[in-house]
C-alpha atoms as a PDB file:
ATOM      1  CA  MET A   1       1.790  -3.182 -16.813  1.00  0.00           C
ATOM      2  CA  VAL A   2       3.770  -4.178 -13.324  1.00  0.00           C
ATOM      3  CA  ASN A   3       2.116  -3.519 -10.267  1.00  0.00           C
ATOM      4  CA  ILE A   4       3.596  -3.310  -6.940  1.00  0.00           C
ATOM      5  CA  ILE A   5       2.109  -2.401  -3.683  1.00  0.00           C
ATOM      6  CA  VAL A   6       3.975  -0.725  -0.520  1.00  0.00           C
ATOM      7  CA  ILE A   7       2.023  -1.765   2.770  1.00  0.00           C
ATOM      8  CA  GLY A   8       2.430   1.769   5.003  1.00  0.00           C
ATOM      9  CA  ALA A   9       2.835   5.413   4.606  1.00  0.00           C
ATOM     10  CA  GLY A  10       5.476   6.163   7.190  1.00  0.00           C
ATOM     11  CA  VAL A  11       8.701   7.752   6.600  1.00  0.00           C
ATOM     12  CA  VAL A  12      10.024   4.836   5.401  1.00  0.00           C
ATOM     13  CA  GLY A  13       7.012   3.190   2.778  1.00  0.00           C
ATOM     14  CA  LEU A  14       7.092   6.577   1.433  1.00  0.00           C
ATOM     15  CA  SER A  15      10.550   6.898   1.169  1.00  0.00           C
ATOM     16  CA  SER A  16      10.751   3.339  -0.421  1.00  0.00           C
ATOM     17  CA  ALA A  17       7.460   4.226  -3.028  1.00  0.00           C
ATOM     18  CA  VAL A  18       8.952   7.053  -4.147  1.00  0.00           C
ATOM     19  CA  SER A  19      12.567   5.078  -4.558  1.00  0.00           C
ATOM     20  CA  ILE A  20      10.568   2.398  -6.985  1.00  0.00           C
ATOM     21  CA  GLN A  21       9.329   4.830  -8.749  1.00  0.00           C
ATOM     22  CA  ARG A  22      12.442   6.217  -9.391  1.00  0.00           C
ATOM     23  CA  ALA A  23      14.043   3.119 -10.144  1.00  0.00           C
ATOM     24  CA  LEU A  24      12.022   1.380 -12.031  1.00  0.00           C
ATOM     25  CA  PRO A  25       9.978   4.560 -14.273  1.00  0.00           C
ATOM     26  CA  GLY A  26       6.307   3.277 -15.521  1.00  0.00           C
ATOM     27  CA  VAL A  27       6.047   0.562 -12.498  1.00  0.00           C
ATOM     28  CA  LYS A  28       2.056   1.534 -11.299  1.00  0.00           C
ATOM     29  CA  VAL A  29       2.945   1.688  -7.504  1.00  0.00           C
ATOM     30  CA  LYS A  30       0.184   1.887  -4.613  1.00  0.00           C
ATOM     31  CA  VAL A  31       0.662   2.966  -1.366  1.00  0.00           C
ATOM     32  CA  VAL A  32      -1.415   0.835   0.942  1.00  0.00           C
ATOM     33  CA  ALA A  33      -2.113   2.011   4.389  1.00  0.00           C
ATOM     34  CA  ASP A  34      -4.647   2.350   7.502  1.00  0.00           C
ATOM     35  CA  LYS A  35      -2.417   5.434   9.383  1.00  0.00           C
ATOM     36  CA  ILE A  36      -2.034   8.226   7.115  1.00  0.00           C
ATOM     37  CA  TYR A  37       0.129  11.438   7.596  1.00  0.00           C
ATOM     38  CA  ASP A  38      -0.587  12.862  11.591  1.00  0.00           C
ATOM     39  CA  GLU A  39      -2.092   9.220  11.695  1.00  0.00           C
ATOM     40  CA  THR A  40       1.487   7.869  11.416  1.00  0.00           C
ATOM     41  CA  THR A  41       4.491   7.595  13.997  1.00  0.00           C
ATOM     42  CA  SER A  42       6.978   8.826  11.562  1.00  0.00           C
ATOM     43  CA  ILE A  43       5.108  12.543  12.129  1.00  0.00           C
ATOM     44  CA  GLY A  44       6.283  12.843  15.947  1.00  0.00           C
ATOM     45  CA  ALA A  45       9.968  12.260  14.745  1.00  0.00           C
ATOM     46  CA  GLY A  46      12.463  14.485  15.862  1.00  0.00           C
ATOM     47  CA  GLY A  47      13.623  14.298  12.733  1.00  0.00           C
ATOM     48  CA  ILE A  48      17.411  14.350  13.425  1.00  0.00           C
ATOM     49  CA  PHE A  49      19.897  12.681  11.603  1.00  0.00           C
ATOM     50  CA  LEU A  50      22.442  11.555  13.595  1.00  0.00           C
ATOM     51  CA  PRO A  51      22.647   7.434  13.019  1.00  0.00           C
ATOM     52  CA  THR A  52      25.339   4.998  15.190  1.00  0.00           C
ATOM     53  CA  THR A  53      25.833   1.548  15.604  1.00  0.00           C
ATOM     54  CA  THR A  54      24.602   2.235  19.031  1.00  0.00           C
ATOM     55  CA  ASN A  55      21.264   3.064  18.121  1.00  0.00           C
ATOM     56  CA  ILE A  56      20.857   0.087  15.043  1.00  0.00           C
ATOM     57  CA  PRO A  57      22.102  -3.528  16.703  1.00  0.00           C
ATOM     58  CA  GLY A  58      22.482  -6.419  14.391  1.00  0.00           C
ATOM     59  CA  VAL A  59      23.245  -4.300  11.251  1.00  0.00           C
ATOM     60  CA  SER A  60      27.266  -4.228  10.669  1.00  0.00           C
ATOM     61  CA  GLU A  61      29.161  -0.951  10.431  1.00  0.00           C
ATOM     62  CA  ASP A  62      30.010  -1.233   6.497  1.00  0.00           C
ATOM     63  CA  THR A  63      25.776  -1.669   6.119  1.00  0.00           C
ATOM     64  CA  LEU A  64      25.154   0.949   8.177  1.00  0.00           C
ATOM     65  CA  ARG A  65      27.766   3.217   6.629  1.00  0.00           C
ATOM     66  CA  ARG A  66      26.256   2.904   2.966  1.00  0.00           C
ATOM     67  CA  TRP A  67      22.472   3.450   4.049  1.00  0.00           C
ATOM     68  CA  SER A  68      23.539   6.476   5.823  1.00  0.00           C
ATOM     69  CA  GLU A  69      25.558   8.120   3.565  1.00  0.00           C
ATOM     70  CA  THR A  70      23.122   7.126   0.977  1.00  0.00           C
ATOM     71  CA  SER A  71      20.324   9.610   3.516  1.00  0.00           C
ATOM     72  CA  TRP A  72      22.847  11.959   4.268  1.00  0.00           C
ATOM     73  CA  HIS A  73      23.378  12.325  -0.160  1.00  0.00           C
ATOM     74  CA  VAL A  74      19.558  13.470   0.121  1.00  0.00           C
ATOM     75  CA  TYR A  75      18.930  14.899   2.965  1.00  0.00           C
ATOM     76  CA  SER A  76      21.568  17.731   2.701  1.00  0.00           C
ATOM     77  CA  LYS A  77      21.007  18.013  -0.900  1.00  0.00           C
ATOM     78  CA  MET A  78      17.618  19.632   0.020  1.00  0.00           C
ATOM     79  CA  ALA A  79      18.585  21.252   2.935  1.00  0.00           C
ATOM     80  CA  THR A  80      21.185  23.317   0.921  1.00  0.00           C
ATOM     81  CA  SER A  81      18.412  23.690  -2.130  1.00  0.00           C
ATOM     82  CA  ASP A  82      15.536  25.840  -2.976  1.00  0.00           C
ATOM     83  CA  LEU A  83      13.713  22.425  -1.586  1.00  0.00           C
ATOM     84  CA  ALA A  84      14.083  23.299   1.903  1.00  0.00           C
ATOM     85  CA  SER A  85      11.477  25.394   2.925  1.00  0.00           C
ATOM     86  CA  SER A  86       9.053  22.649   1.092  1.00  0.00           C
ATOM     87  CA  THR A  87      10.359  19.350   2.848  1.00  0.00           C
ATOM     88  CA  GLY A  88      10.937  21.168   5.848  1.00  0.00           C
ATOM     89  CA  HIS A  89      14.665  21.037   5.886  1.00  0.00           C
ATOM     90  CA  THR A  90      16.825  23.361   8.549  1.00  0.00           C
ATOM     91  CA  LYS A  91      19.385  24.758   6.592  1.00  0.00           C
ATOM     92  CA  PRO A  92      23.174  23.630   7.655  1.00  0.00           C
ATOM     93  CA  LEU A  93      25.345  26.284  10.237  1.00  0.00           C
ATOM     94  CA  TYR A  94      28.025  26.088   7.766  1.00  0.00           C
ATOM     95  CA  ALA A  95      25.998  25.677   3.820  1.00  0.00           C
ATOM     96  CA  ASP A  96      29.285  25.253   2.119  1.00  0.00           C
ATOM     97  CA  ILE A  97      30.337  22.429   4.821  1.00  0.00           C
ATOM     98  CA  VAL A  98      27.820  19.032   4.091  1.00  0.00           C
ATOM     99  CA  TYR A  99      28.576  17.688   7.341  1.00  0.00           C
ATOM    100  CA  SER A 100      30.974  18.588  10.548  1.00  0.00           C
ATOM    101  CA  TYR A 101      32.291  17.267  14.005  1.00  0.00           C
ATOM    102  CA  ARG A 102      34.638  18.211  16.440  1.00  0.00           C
ATOM    103  CA  GLU A 103      35.354  17.942  19.844  1.00  0.00           C
ATOM    104  CA  MET A 104      34.482  20.490  22.102  1.00  0.00           C
ATOM    105  CA  SER A 105      36.767  22.230  24.510  1.00  0.00           C
ATOM    106  CA  PRO A 106      36.334  22.555  28.367  1.00  0.00           C
ATOM    107  CA  GLY A 107      36.205  26.466  27.622  1.00  0.00           C
ATOM    108  CA  GLU A 108      33.685  25.916  25.718  1.00  0.00           C
ATOM    109  CA  LEU A 109      31.519  23.932  27.703  1.00  0.00           C
ATOM    110  CA  ILE A 110      31.924  26.077  30.286  1.00  0.00           C
ATOM    111  CA  LYS A 111      31.305  29.557  28.544  1.00  0.00           C
ATOM    112  CA  LEU A 112      28.116  27.066  27.722  1.00  0.00           C
ATOM    113  CA  GLY A 113      27.069  26.975  31.162  1.00  0.00           C
ATOM    114  CA  VAL A 114      27.147  22.910  31.171  1.00  0.00           C
ATOM    115  CA  TYR A 115      30.428  21.915  32.099  1.00  0.00           C
ATOM    116  CA  ASP A 116      28.984  20.853  35.685  1.00  0.00           C
ATOM    117  CA  ASN A 117      27.320  17.655  34.207  1.00  0.00           C
ATOM    118  CA  PHE A 118      29.073  17.333  30.563  1.00  0.00           C
ATOM    119  CA  ARG A 119      32.907  17.323  30.605  1.00  0.00           C
ATOM    120  CA  PHE A 120      32.752  16.034  27.093  1.00  0.00           C
ATOM    121  CA  GLY A 121      30.881  17.712  24.295  1.00  0.00           C
ATOM    122  CA  TYR A 122      30.806  17.892  20.345  1.00  0.00           C
ATOM    123  CA  GLU A 123      29.730  20.189  18.071  1.00  0.00           C
ATOM    124  CA  ILE A 124      27.829  19.014  14.886  1.00  0.00           C
ATOM    125  CA  THR A 125      26.332  20.030  11.876  1.00  0.00           C
ATOM    126  CA  THR A 126      23.710  18.341  10.422  1.00  0.00           C
ATOM    127  CA  VAL A 127      20.713  17.882   9.455  1.00  0.00           C
ATOM    128  CA  ILE A 128      16.573  18.445  11.343  1.00  0.00           C
ATOM    129  CA  THR A 129      13.675  17.189   9.284  1.00  0.00           C
ATOM    130  CA  ASN A 130      10.051  19.253   9.880  1.00  0.00           C
ATOM    131  CA  MET A 131       7.913  15.496   9.713  1.00  0.00           C
ATOM    132  CA  ARG A 132       4.907  17.677   9.200  1.00  0.00           C
ATOM    133  CA  LYS A 133       6.148  19.334   5.835  1.00  0.00           C
ATOM    134  CA  TYR A 134       8.212  16.137   4.970  1.00  0.00           C
ATOM    135  CA  LEU A 135       5.464  13.604   4.838  1.00  0.00           C
ATOM    136  CA  LYS A 136       3.227  15.845   3.293  1.00  0.00           C
ATOM    137  CA  TRP A 137       6.587  16.502   0.523  1.00  0.00           C
ATOM    138  CA  LEU A 138       7.128  12.429  -0.317  1.00  0.00           C
ATOM    139  CA  MET A 139       3.414  12.673  -0.672  1.00  0.00           C
ATOM    140  CA  ASN A 140       3.241  14.648  -2.803  1.00  0.00           C
ATOM    141  CA  GLN A 141       6.276  13.691  -5.245  1.00  0.00           C
ATOM    142  CA  PHE A 142       4.740  10.001  -5.070  1.00  0.00           C
ATOM    143  CA  THR A 143       1.040  11.091  -6.005  1.00  0.00           C
ATOM    144  CA  ALA A 144       2.901  13.640  -9.113  1.00  0.00           C
ATOM    145  CA  ASN A 145       4.564  10.690 -10.123  1.00  0.00           C
ATOM    146  CA  GLY A 146       1.484   8.455 -10.607  1.00  0.00           C
ATOM    147  CA  GLY A 147       1.153   7.271  -7.433  1.00  0.00           C
ATOM    148  CA  GLU A 148      -2.022   5.898  -5.667  1.00  0.00           C
ATOM    149  CA  VAL A 149      -3.045   5.681  -2.373  1.00  0.00           C
ATOM    150  CA  GLU A 150      -5.668   3.324  -0.568  1.00  0.00           C
ATOM    151  CA  ARG A 151      -6.572   3.374   2.917  1.00  0.00           C
ATOM    152  CA  ARG A 152      -6.768  -0.279   3.893  1.00  0.00           C
ATOM    153  CA  LYS A 153      -5.779  -2.032   7.116  1.00  0.00           C
ATOM    154  CA  ILE A 154      -4.395  -5.127   5.564  1.00  0.00           C
ATOM    155  CA  GLY A 155      -4.986  -8.525   7.856  1.00  0.00           C
ATOM    156  CA  SER A 156      -2.706 -10.680   6.688  1.00  0.00           C
ATOM    157  CA  LEU A 157      -0.151 -10.905   3.233  1.00  0.00           C
ATOM    158  CA  MET A 158      -2.457 -13.330   1.718  1.00  0.00           C
ATOM    159  CA  GLU A 159      -4.883 -10.847   0.736  1.00  0.00           C
ATOM    160  CA  LEU A 160      -2.433  -9.371  -2.013  1.00  0.00           C
ATOM    161  CA  TYR A 161      -1.939 -12.420  -3.951  1.00  0.00           C
ATOM    162  CA  GLY A 162      -2.914 -11.567  -7.236  1.00  0.00           C
ATOM    163  CA  GLN A 163      -2.853  -8.091  -7.242  1.00  0.00           C
ATOM    164  CA  CYS A 164       0.705  -7.505  -7.890  1.00  0.00           C
ATOM    165  CA  ASN A 165       3.889  -8.503  -9.282  1.00  0.00           C
ATOM    166  CA  VAL A 166       6.114  -7.273  -5.792  1.00  0.00           C
ATOM    167  CA  VAL A 167       5.081  -6.393  -1.906  1.00  0.00           C
ATOM    168  CA  VAL A 168       6.968  -4.123  -0.376  1.00  0.00           C
ATOM    169  CA  ASN A 169       6.229  -4.797   3.810  1.00  0.00           C
ATOM    170  CA  CYS A 170       7.015  -1.145   5.408  1.00  0.00           C
ATOM    171  CA  SER A 171       4.499  -1.987   7.984  1.00  0.00           C
ATOM    172  CA  GLY A 172       6.865  -1.368  10.941  1.00  0.00           C
ATOM    173  CA  LEU A 173       5.248  -3.013  14.342  1.00  0.00           C
ATOM    174  CA  GLY A 174       1.863  -4.316  12.064  1.00  0.00           C
ATOM    175  CA  SER A 175       4.658  -6.869  11.006  1.00  0.00           C
ATOM    176  CA  ARG A 176       4.448  -8.413  14.386  1.00  0.00           C
ATOM    177  CA  GLN A 177       1.059  -9.574  12.900  1.00  0.00           C
ATOM    178  CA  LEU A 178       1.346  -9.727   9.188  1.00  0.00           C
ATOM    179  CA  CYS A 179       5.115 -11.360   9.444  1.00  0.00           C
ATOM    180  CA  GLY A 180       4.901 -13.288  12.701  1.00  0.00           C
ATOM    181  CA  ASP A 181       7.445 -11.538  13.656  1.00  0.00           C
ATOM    182  CA  LYS A 182       8.849 -12.179  17.537  1.00  0.00           C
ATOM    183  CA  LEU A 183      11.806 -10.411  17.028  1.00  0.00           C
ATOM    184  CA  LEU A 184      10.211  -6.598  16.071  1.00  0.00           C
ATOM    185  CA  TYR A 185       9.044  -4.666  19.176  1.00  0.00           C
ATOM    186  CA  PRO A 186       7.824  -1.500  20.479  1.00  0.00           C
ATOM    187  CA  LEU A 187      10.321   1.420  21.350  1.00  0.00           C
ATOM    188  CA  ARG A 188       8.385   4.243  23.061  1.00  0.00           C
ATOM    189  CA  GLY A 189       9.211   7.285  22.782  1.00  0.00           C
ATOM    190  CA  HIS A 190       7.534  10.885  24.604  1.00  0.00           C
ATOM    191  CA  LEU A 191       8.694  14.244  23.442  1.00  0.00           C
ATOM    192  CA  ILE A 192       6.952  17.005  24.455  1.00  0.00           C
ATOM    193  CA  LYS A 193       6.421  20.207  22.000  1.00  0.00           C
ATOM    194  CA  VAL A 194       7.180  23.664  23.300  1.00  0.00           C
ATOM    195  CA  LYS A 195       7.602  27.590  22.130  1.00  0.00           C
ATOM    196  CA  ALA A 196      11.224  29.062  22.536  1.00  0.00           C
ATOM    197  CA  PRO A 197      11.864  31.093  19.625  1.00  0.00           C
ATOM    198  CA  TRP A 198      14.821  31.841  21.029  1.00  0.00           C
ATOM    199  CA  VAL A 199      16.494  28.999  21.203  1.00  0.00           C
ATOM    200  CA  LYS A 200      19.088  28.548  18.117  1.00  0.00           C
ATOM    201  CA  ASP A 201      20.685  25.251  18.348  1.00  0.00           C
ATOM    202  CA  TRP A 202      20.353  21.687  18.786  1.00  0.00           C
ATOM    203  CA  VAL A 203      21.079  19.647  21.316  1.00  0.00           C
ATOM    204  CA  TYR A 204      21.581  15.645  22.343  1.00  0.00           C
ATOM    205  CA  THR A 205      22.876  14.164  25.558  1.00  0.00           C
ATOM    206  CA  ASP A 206      22.820  10.694  27.086  1.00  0.00           C
ATOM    207  CA  GLN A 207      20.931  11.723  29.640  1.00  0.00           C
ATOM    208  CA  GLN A 208      16.904  11.015  28.448  1.00  0.00           C
ATOM    209  CA  ALA A 209      17.534  15.032  27.724  1.00  0.00           C
ATOM    210  CA  HIS A 210      17.306  16.987  24.117  1.00  0.00           C
ATOM    211  CA  LEU A 211      15.929  19.540  22.524  1.00  0.00           C
ATOM    212  CA  PHE A 212      15.523  19.857  18.587  1.00  0.00           C
ATOM    213  CA  LEU A 213      14.432  22.578  16.495  1.00  0.00           C
ATOM    214  CA  SER A 214      11.340  22.633  14.015  1.00  0.00           C
ATOM    215  CA  ASP A 215       9.980  25.509  12.002  1.00  0.00           C
ATOM    216  CA  ASP A 216       8.067  26.793  14.843  1.00  0.00           C
ATOM    217  CA  PHE A 217       8.526  24.831  18.147  1.00  0.00           C
ATOM    218  CA  VAL A 218      11.008  23.318  19.642  1.00  0.00           C
ATOM    219  CA  VAL A 219      11.013  19.102  20.538  1.00  0.00           C
ATOM    220  CA  LEU A 220      12.297  18.376  23.883  1.00  0.00           C
ATOM    221  CA  GLY A 221      13.021  14.979  24.893  1.00  0.00           C
ATOM    222  CA  GLY A 222      13.146  11.957  25.579  1.00  0.00           C
ATOM    223  CA  ILE A 223      13.200   8.369  26.400  1.00  0.00           C
ATOM    224  CA  LYS A 224      13.071   4.888  24.866  1.00  0.00           C
ATOM    225  CA  GLU A 225      11.323   2.517  26.481  1.00  0.00           C
ATOM    226  CA  LYS A 226      11.036  -0.853  25.657  1.00  0.00           C
ATOM    227  CA  ASP A 227       7.604  -2.735  25.361  1.00  0.00           C
ATOM    228  CA  ASN A 228       5.976  -0.109  26.864  1.00  0.00           C
ATOM    229  CA  TRP A 229       2.654  -0.215  24.415  1.00  0.00           C
ATOM    230  CA  SER A 230       1.246   2.674  25.969  1.00  0.00           C
ATOM    231  CA  LEU A 231      -0.065   5.701  23.346  1.00  0.00           C
ATOM    232  CA  ASN A 232      -1.237   7.421  26.704  1.00  0.00           C
ATOM    233  CA  PRO A 233       1.351  10.595  27.921  1.00  0.00           C
ATOM    234  CA  ASP A 234       2.302   9.568  31.924  1.00  0.00           C
ATOM    235  CA  PRO A 235       2.391  12.974  33.636  1.00  0.00           C
ATOM    236  CA  ALA A 236       5.723  11.589  35.333  1.00  0.00           C
ATOM    237  CA  VAL A 237       7.809  10.281  32.324  1.00  0.00           C
ATOM    238  CA  ARG A 238       6.275  14.424  30.892  1.00  0.00           C
ATOM    239  CA  GLN A 239       7.743  16.115  34.670  1.00  0.00           C
ATOM    240  CA  GLY A 240      11.423  13.804  33.787  1.00  0.00           C
ATOM    241  CA  ILE A 241      11.723  15.313  30.595  1.00  0.00           C
ATOM    242  CA  LEU A 242      11.019  18.939  31.571  1.00  0.00           C
ATOM    243  CA  ASP A 243      12.778  18.723  34.797  1.00  0.00           C
ATOM    244  CA  ARG A 244      15.876  17.357  32.910  1.00  0.00           C
ATOM    245  CA  ASN A 245      15.937  19.848  29.776  1.00  0.00           C
ATOM    246  CA  PHE A 246      15.592  22.639  32.213  1.00  0.00           C
ATOM    247  CA  ARG A 247      17.907  21.472  34.639  1.00  0.00           C
ATOM    248  CA  TYR A 248      20.593  21.176  31.965  1.00  0.00           C
ATOM    249  CA  TRP A 249      19.538  24.104  29.930  1.00  0.00           C
ATOM    250  CA  PRO A 250      17.987  26.984  31.944  1.00  0.00           C
ATOM    251  CA  ALA A 251      17.744  29.338  28.856  1.00  0.00           C
ATOM    252  CA  LEU A 252      14.485  27.745  28.347  1.00  0.00           C
ATOM    253  CA  THR A 253      12.364  28.850  31.097  1.00  0.00           C
ATOM    254  CA  GLY A 254       9.884  30.766  29.632  1.00  0.00           C
ATOM    255  CA  ALA A 255       8.704  28.193  26.824  1.00  0.00           C
ATOM    256  CA  GLU A 256       5.033  27.493  26.021  1.00  0.00           C
ATOM    257  CA  TYR A 257       4.108  24.546  26.485  1.00  0.00           C
ATOM    258  CA  LEU A 258       2.466  23.326  22.916  1.00  0.00           C
ATOM    259  CA  GLU A 259       1.648  19.455  23.161  1.00  0.00           C
ATOM    260  CA  ASP A 260       2.913  16.085  24.108  1.00  0.00           C
ATOM    261  CA  TRP A 261       3.459  13.336  21.501  1.00  0.00           C
ATOM    262  CA  VAL A 262       3.901   9.326  22.464  1.00  0.00           C
ATOM    263  CA  GLY A 263       4.748   7.151  19.712  1.00  0.00           C
ATOM    264  CA  LEU A 264       5.630   3.773  19.044  1.00  0.00           C
ATOM    265  CA  ARG A 265       8.937   3.108  16.801  1.00  0.00           C
ATOM    266  CA  PRO A 266       8.901   0.048  15.589  1.00  0.00           C
ATOM    267  CA  MET A 267      12.267  -1.696  16.825  1.00  0.00           C
ATOM    268  CA  ARG A 268      14.266  -4.725  15.081  1.00  0.00           C
ATOM    269  CA  GLU A 269      17.720  -6.227  15.848  1.00  0.00           C
ATOM    270  CA  PRO A 270      19.046  -5.692  13.174  1.00  0.00           C
ATOM    271  CA  VAL A 271      16.400  -4.056  10.773  1.00  0.00           C
ATOM    272  CA  ARG A 272      14.733  -6.131   8.285  1.00  0.00           C
ATOM    273  CA  LEU A 273      15.710  -5.860   5.113  1.00  0.00           C
ATOM    274  CA  GLU A 274      15.489  -9.144   2.951  1.00  0.00           C
ATOM    275  CA  THR A 275      13.488 -10.811   0.316  1.00  0.00           C
ATOM    276  CA  GLU A 276      10.898 -13.237   0.836  1.00  0.00           C
ATOM    277  CA  VAL A 277       8.958 -15.430  -1.491  1.00  0.00           C
ATOM    278  CA  ILE A 278       5.414 -17.487  -0.267  1.00  0.00           C
ATOM    279  CA  ARG A 279       4.614 -20.000  -2.306  1.00  0.00           C
ATOM    280  CA  SER A 280       1.533 -22.416  -2.292  1.00  0.00           C
ATOM    281  CA  PRO A 281      -0.338 -25.266  -4.954  1.00  0.00           C
ATOM    282  CA  GLN A 282      -1.562 -22.299  -6.967  1.00  0.00           C
ATOM    283  CA  ARG A 283       0.756 -18.821  -7.031  1.00  0.00           C
ATOM    284  CA  THR A 284       3.611 -16.990  -5.425  1.00  0.00           C
ATOM    285  CA  LEU A 285       3.910 -13.848  -3.292  1.00  0.00           C
ATOM    286  CA  LYS A 286       7.109 -11.994  -3.594  1.00  0.00           C
ATOM    287  CA  ILE A 287       7.637  -9.955  -1.067  1.00  0.00           C
ATOM    288  CA  VAL A 288      10.603  -6.812  -0.292  1.00  0.00           C
ATOM    289  CA  HIS A 289      10.810  -6.674   3.507  1.00  0.00           C
ATOM    290  CA  ASN A 290      11.846  -2.661   4.728  1.00  0.00           C
ATOM    291  CA  TYR A 291      11.206  -2.527   8.600  1.00  0.00           C
ATOM    292  CA  GLY A 292      12.499  -2.011  12.505  1.00  0.00           C
ATOM    293  CA  HIS A 293      14.275   1.112  11.926  1.00  0.00           C
ATOM    294  CA  GLY A 294      13.384   2.145  15.684  1.00  0.00           C
ATOM    295  CA  SER A 295      14.238   5.703  16.619  1.00  0.00           C
ATOM    296  CA  ASN A 296      16.320   5.772  12.604  1.00  0.00           C
ATOM    297  CA  GLY A 297      13.663   5.503  10.536  1.00  0.00           C
ATOM    298  CA  VAL A 298      14.013   9.188   9.689  1.00  0.00           C
ATOM    299  CA  ALA A 299      18.158   8.764   9.172  1.00  0.00           C
ATOM    300  CA  LEU A 300      18.155   6.070   7.284  1.00  0.00           C
ATOM    301  CA  SER A 301      14.953   5.906   5.716  1.00  0.00           C
ATOM    302  CA  TRP A 302      16.668   6.918   1.513  1.00  0.00           C
ATOM    303  CA  GLY A 303      19.417   4.242   2.577  1.00  0.00           C
ATOM    304  CA  THR A 304      17.205   1.168   3.392  1.00  0.00           C
ATOM    305  CA  ALA A 305      14.274   2.651   0.109  1.00  0.00           C
ATOM    306  CA  VAL A 306      17.496   3.117  -1.896  1.00  0.00           C
ATOM    307  CA  GLU A 307      18.818  -0.835  -1.419  1.00  0.00           C
ATOM    308  CA  ALA A 308      14.098  -1.953  -1.337  1.00  0.00           C
ATOM    309  CA  ALA A 309      13.859  -0.548  -4.663  1.00  0.00           C
ATOM    310  CA  LYS A 310      17.099  -2.703  -5.763  1.00  0.00           C
ATOM    311  CA  LEU A 311      15.796  -5.664  -4.634  1.00  0.00           C
ATOM    312  CA  VAL A 312      11.940  -4.969  -5.967  1.00  0.00           C
ATOM    313  CA  LYS A 313      14.326  -4.439  -9.576  1.00  0.00           C
ATOM    314  CA  GLU A 314      15.859  -7.891  -9.279  1.00  0.00           C
ATOM    315  CA  LEU A 315      12.707  -9.456  -8.632  1.00  0.00           C
ATOM    316  CA  ILE A 316      10.522  -8.340 -11.296  1.00  0.00           C
ATOM    317  CA  SER A 317      14.063  -8.812 -13.510  1.00  0.00           C
ATOM    318  CA  LYS A 318      13.297 -13.009 -11.982  1.00  0.00           C
ATOM    319  CA  THR A 319      10.112 -13.191 -12.733  1.00  0.00           C
ATOM    320  CA  SER A 320      10.721 -11.535 -16.379  1.00  0.00           C
ATOM    321  CA  SER A 321      13.436 -14.051 -17.356  1.00  0.00           C
ATOM    322  CA  SER A 322      11.814 -17.182 -15.982  1.00  0.00           C
ATOM    323  CA  LYS A 323       9.082 -16.501 -19.319  1.00  0.00           C
ATOM    324  CA  LEU A 324      11.385 -15.933 -21.691  1.00  0.00           C
END
């Protein structure tokens, strides 16, 4: 029996685990993590599918396009199917169009009341993911396929010697300790959830202001603070987010405050997606690293998960061939 251990139960870890199950039927896969579901950084993600080269430095455009297309294929298929309600995907505005992007005219911006602040705007049809539903769905997919989950903090990759054939490291910021990876740093995010059922469109700007829709709330953001490790909501940051969003979109007036969310996105330049073999006199540990997605963990999770599964398959094939 081939055994695979995936470290991490965020969106990247669970997507990798499910992808491995699909790519390698019959393989035993276990997710090992000290934080699960609402304890993960993924639970607070806005869930917007809008990857750009600006937000993912160090990755070639061709690679980013490949990851994005793989992820989009999965998300758009779920969003337009009967899985939409259970996976937490908001159906695109035009059901028969997978993706649309067009520049808006000045007249349209004036009608929206934003022309004084924004002279350029684009209308985009995309997918937004409700992470509370989606992480549950991913976990259910994983366990229904025979996957196991163990709540445990891994202090060293060496702990897993002899326990599996391949380790898939999706530990996010945990890889600073596990791998000594100094290229990895926190990208602190602060979001505010409000209840405003009359808001029907999502908006994203380059002025640290955006609003994303979920099933039962609206998410206001946002910031990206490099190397800030604090998980405590900053009152000044909160007020800044509220002031900017309410100034740009007065229609938010009357929105009911629900809660703050602060999370540390694992950012690395570039995303680490590669194999590593650690050797000792007695044994070897084969690893596939898949972490460092920053604020694009949701958008790129399936793209990198599928490639991680291919790397696992290659490592297992090499092991089998060496025994012949």
